[in-house]
Structures are given as structure tokens and as C-alpha cells.
C-alpha atoms as a PDB file:
ATOM      1  CA  THR A   1    -139.979 118.412 208.431  1.00  0.00           C
ATOM      2  CA  LYS A   2    -136.759 116.464 207.870  1.00  0.00           C
ATOM      3  CA  ALA A   3    -138.397 114.293 205.167  1.00  0.00           C
ATOM      4  CA  TYR A   4    -139.439 117.311 203.128  1.00  0.00           C
ATOM      5  CA  ARG A   5    -135.999 118.921 203.363  1.00  0.00           C
ATOM      6  CA  ALA A   6    -134.304 115.640 202.383  1.00  0.00           C
ATOM      7  CA  HIS A   7    -136.368 115.469 199.178  1.00  0.00           C
ATOM      8  CA  VAL A   8    -137.416 111.889 199.773  1.00  0.00           C
ATOM      9  CA  SER A   9    -140.399 110.278 197.991  1.00  0.00           C
ATOM     10  CA  PRO A  10    -143.908 110.998 199.228  1.00  0.00           C
ATOM     11  CA  TRP A  11    -144.277 107.408 200.427  1.00  0.00           C
ATOM     12  CA  LYS A  12    -141.061 107.693 202.442  1.00  0.00           C
ATOM     13  CA  ARG A  13    -142.390 110.895 203.995  1.00  0.00           C
ATOM     14  CA  VAL A  14    -145.682 109.212 205.004  1.00  0.00           C
ATOM     15  CA  SER A  15    -143.724 106.259 206.336  1.00  0.00           C
ATOM     16  CA  SER A  16    -141.431 108.512 208.330  1.00  0.00           C
ATOM     17  CA  ILE A  17    -144.403 110.365 209.883  1.00  0.00           C
ATOM     18  CA  VAL A  18    -146.110 107.084 210.768  1.00  0.00           C
ATOM     19  CA  THR A  19    -142.912 105.647 212.290  1.00  0.00           C
ATOM     20  CA  SER A  20    -142.297 108.732 214.401  1.00  0.00           C
ATOM     21  CA  ALA A  21    -145.916 108.902 215.595  1.00  0.00           C
ATOM     22  CA  LEU A  22    -146.033 105.216 216.412  1.00  0.00           C
ATOM     23  CA  ALA A  23    -142.807 105.482 218.388  1.00  0.00           C
ATOM     24  CA  LEU A  24    -144.469 108.165 220.537  1.00  0.00           C
ATOM     25  CA  GLN A  25    -147.614 106.069 220.936  1.00  0.00           C
ATOM     26  CA  PHE A  26    -145.861 102.857 221.819  1.00  0.00           C
ATOM     27  CA  GLY A  27    -142.884 104.097 223.768  1.00  0.00           C
ATOM     28  CA  ASN A  28    -143.946 107.222 225.578  1.00  0.00           C
ATOM     29  CA  ASP A  29    -145.666 107.642 228.953  1.00  0.00           C
ATOM     30  CA  PHE A  30    -147.633 110.457 227.372  1.00  0.00           C
ATOM     31  CA  PRO A  31    -149.029 109.310 224.012  1.00  0.00           C
ATOM     32  CA  LEU A  32    -150.368 111.697 221.443  1.00  0.00           C
ATOM     33  CA  LEU A  33    -153.722 113.246 222.317  1.00  0.00           C
ATOM     34  CA  ARG A  34    -156.660 110.991 221.420  1.00  0.00           C
ATOM     35  CA  VAL A  35    -159.532 112.676 219.616  1.00  0.00           C
ATOM     36  CA  THR A  36    -161.901 111.192 222.241  1.00  0.00           C
ATOM     37  CA  ALA A  37    -160.149 113.382 224.882  1.00  0.00           C
ATOM     38  CA  CYS A  38    -161.551 116.453 223.121  1.00  0.00           C
ATOM     39  CA  GLN A  39    -164.988 115.831 224.644  1.00  0.00           C
ATOM     40  CA  ALA A  40    -163.678 116.960 228.070  1.00  0.00           C
ATOM     41  CA  MET A  41    -162.085 120.164 226.777  1.00  0.00           C
ATOM     42  CA  PRO A  42    -163.674 123.589 226.843  1.00  0.00           C
ATOM     43  CA  ALA A  43    -165.109 124.491 223.495  1.00  0.00           C
ATOM     44  CA  HIS A  44    -162.496 127.048 222.518  1.00  0.00           C
ATOM     45  CA  VAL A  45    -159.674 124.593 223.295  1.00  0.00           C
ATOM     46  CA  ARG A  46    -161.451 121.750 221.540  1.00  0.00           C
ATOM     47  CA  ASP A  47    -161.860 123.838 218.390  1.00  0.00           C
ATOM     48  CA  LEU A  48    -158.074 124.581 218.336  1.00  0.00           C
ATOM     49  CA  VAL A  49    -157.197 120.863 218.782  1.00  0.00           C
ATOM     50  CA  LEU A  50    -159.584 119.807 216.098  1.00  0.00           C
ATOM     51  CA  GLN A  51    -158.285 122.410 213.687  1.00  0.00           C
ATOM     52  CA  GLN A  52    -154.721 121.083 214.313  1.00  0.00           C
ATOM     53  CA  ALA A  53    -155.902 117.502 213.798  1.00  0.00           C
ATOM     54  CA  GLN A  54    -157.523 118.592 210.478  1.00  0.00           C
ATOM     55  CA  ARG A  55    -154.217 120.227 209.393  1.00  0.00           C
ATOM     56  CA  ILE A  56    -152.419 116.930 210.132  1.00  0.00           C
ATOM     57  CA  VAL A  57    -154.900 114.979 208.058  1.00  0.00           C
ATOM     58  CA  LEU A  58    -154.650 117.437 205.205  1.00  0.00           C
ATOM     59  CA  GLY A  59    -150.836 117.325 205.311  1.00  0.00           C
ATOM     60  CA  MET A  60    -150.937 113.549 205.211  1.00  0.00           C
ATOM     61  CA  MET A  61    -153.417 113.739 202.334  1.00  0.00           C
ATOM     62  CA  GLY A  62    -151.081 116.011 200.395  1.00  0.00           C
ATOM     63  CA  ALA A  63    -148.234 113.494 200.715  1.00  0.00           C
ATOM     64  CA  LEU A  64    -150.549 110.712 199.596  1.00  0.00           C
ATOM     65  CA  VAL A  65    -151.647 112.674 196.562  1.00  0.00           C
ATOM     66  CA  GLU A  66    -148.010 113.296 195.643  1.00  0.00           C
ATOM     67  CA  GLY A  67    -147.356 109.554 196.082  1.00  0.00           C
ATOM     68  CA  ILE A  68    -150.316 108.698 193.875  1.00  0.00           C
ATOM     69  CA  GLN A  69    -148.995 111.068 191.195  1.00  0.00           C
ATOM     70  CA  GLU A  70    -145.499 109.543 191.226  1.00  0.00           C
ATOM     71  CA  GLY A  71    -146.850 105.958 191.449  1.00  0.00           C
ATOM     72  CA  SER A  72    -145.487 105.020 194.876  1.00  0.00           C
ATOM     73  CA  VAL A  73    -149.002 105.017 196.444  1.00  0.00           C
ATOM     74  CA  ARG A  74    -151.952 103.083 195.148  1.00  0.00           C
ATOM     75  CA  ALA A  75    -154.692 105.245 193.617  1.00  0.00           C
ATOM     76  CA  ILE A  76    -157.078 105.521 196.520  1.00  0.00           C
ATOM     77  CA  ASP A  77    -159.158 108.296 198.063  1.00  0.00           C
ATOM     78  CA  PRO A  78    -156.363 110.262 199.784  1.00  0.00           C
ATOM     79  CA  LEU A  79    -158.670 112.005 202.284  1.00  0.00           C
ATOM     80  CA  VAL A  80    -160.227 108.714 203.484  1.00  0.00           C
ATOM     81  CA  ALA A  81    -156.739 107.104 203.553  1.00  0.00           C
ATOM     82  CA  SER A  82    -155.272 109.944 205.579  1.00  0.00           C
ATOM     83  CA  HIS A  83    -158.091 109.754 208.144  1.00  0.00           C
ATOM     84  CA  LEU A  84    -157.559 105.994 208.386  1.00  0.00           C
ATOM     85  CA  ILE A  85    -153.821 106.432 208.976  1.00  0.00           C
ATOM     86  CA  VAL A  86    -154.301 109.081 211.623  1.00  0.00           C
ATOM     87  CA  SER A  87    -156.998 107.014 213.302  1.00  0.00           C
ATOM     88  CA  ALA A  88    -154.686 103.942 213.331  1.00  0.00           C
ATOM     89  CA  ILE A  89    -151.947 106.022 214.932  1.00  0.00           C
ATOM     90  CA  ASN A  90    -154.416 107.188 217.562  1.00  0.00           C
ATOM     91  CA  ALA A  91    -155.516 103.670 218.245  1.00  0.00           C
ATOM     92  CA  ALA A  92    -151.938 102.480 218.703  1.00  0.00           C
ATOM     93  CA  SER A  93    -151.938 103.959 222.197  1.00  0.00           C
ATOM     94  CA  GLU A  94    -154.380 101.229 223.183  1.00  0.00           C
ATOM     95  CA  LEU A  95    -151.955  98.582 221.975  1.00  0.00           C
ATOM     96  CA  ARG A  96    -149.146  99.386 224.362  1.00  0.00           C
ATOM     97  CA  VAL A  97    -146.208  97.101 223.818  1.00  0.00           C
ATOM     98  CA  ALA A  98    -145.405  94.750 226.705  1.00  0.00           C
ATOM     99  CA  PRO A  99    -141.556  94.689 226.878  1.00  0.00           C
ATOM    100  CA  ASP A 100    -141.554  90.917 227.486  1.00  0.00           C
ATOM    101  CA  ARG A 101    -143.675  90.192 224.350  1.00  0.00           C
ATOM    102  CA  GLN A 102    -142.372  92.474 221.608  1.00  0.00           C
ATOM    103  CA  SER A 103    -139.901  95.286 221.147  1.00  0.00           C
ATOM    104  CA  ILE A 104    -141.159  98.764 220.197  1.00  0.00           C
ATOM    105  CA  GLY A 105    -139.287  98.490 216.890  1.00  0.00           C
ATOM    106  CA  ASP A 106    -140.980  95.143 216.071  1.00  0.00           C
ATOM    107  CA  ALA A 107    -144.387  96.535 217.022  1.00  0.00           C
ATOM    108  CA  ILE A 108    -143.858  99.535 214.747  1.00  0.00           C
ATOM    109  CA  THR A 109    -142.754  97.313 211.883  1.00  0.00           C
ATOM    110  CA  THR A 110    -145.815  95.111 212.330  1.00  0.00           C
ATOM    111  CA  TYR A 111    -148.180  98.097 212.508  1.00  0.00           C
ATOM    112  CA  GLU A 112    -146.614  99.693 209.446  1.00  0.00           C
ATOM    113  CA  THR A 113    -146.841  96.495 207.461  1.00  0.00           C
ATOM    114  CA  VAL A 114    -150.587  96.336 208.040  1.00  0.00           C
ATOM    115  CA  LEU A 115    -150.979 100.059 207.180  1.00  0.00           C
ATOM    116  CA  GLY A 116    -148.662  99.929 204.173  1.00  0.00           C
ATOM    117  CA  SER A 117    -149.624  96.573 202.672  1.00  0.00           C
ATOM    118  CA  GLY A 118    -153.283  96.532 203.636  1.00  0.00           C
ATOM    119  CA  ILE A 119    -155.472  93.989 205.350  1.00  0.00           C
ATOM    120  CA  PHE A 120    -157.000  92.128 202.441  1.00  0.00           C
ATOM    121  CA  ASP A 121    -155.257  89.972 199.878  1.00  0.00           C
ATOM    122  CA  PRO A 122    -155.778  91.557 196.462  1.00  0.00           C
ATOM    123  CA  GLU A 123    -156.097  88.175 194.804  1.00  0.00           C
END
């Protein structure tokens, strides 16, 4: 991807992936495939989709591990974190942005703030 070729930090790569995926979820008439849609697929197609989803999670996990090593990502379980990030991106399709309430850019910023900063106050 562009982020890998540009030699940016692992956290910037994760952030770039999340931003791009959220833009598709919020602003596209055809959001990314939800995992729940797999139930309706024939078994051979479902297996391929689930394998691709696993590759995405593992790629995200790799970037998180690199970020943990360089210190730009908090030391957390990267597999659990990558599943949470991908799940949050999937869920974003349910939170379609109403143009009169919030711009897509503002919605992405809000969503990324919750993902990047966390939900709970560390104090």
C-alpha cells in the first residue's frame, strides 16, 4: 500500500487504513462487506471471504506489533486490537452519516478519536 511505500510509522499506516475504510463505510452506497453477510453465501465463497478477512486482521496486527515495538502504539494484545478495529470499521456502516448532521470528514475524525484514544479515561 501507499503507507508502506512511503515508509511512514506503523501508527500512521494503521490510521491511514482506518481512514480509508471509514470513508468507504460512511460515504459509499456500497459499504464494505459485513461479516454477517457471509451467512447467506455458499460455503466455498464464504471460506474465501473469511480467509481474506483473516488476512486483513493479520496485516493490521502486524502494523500494531511494529507500532508497539517503536513505541507509537500502547502495549496491548495486537490480535485482539486488530479484531476490534476491523469490527469497528464493519459497524461504521450502521452509523451512516446524515449530511445535515455531520460531514463525512467530521464523522471519520470522531470515529478515529474513539479508536485511537480509547473509550475509558486512564486516570
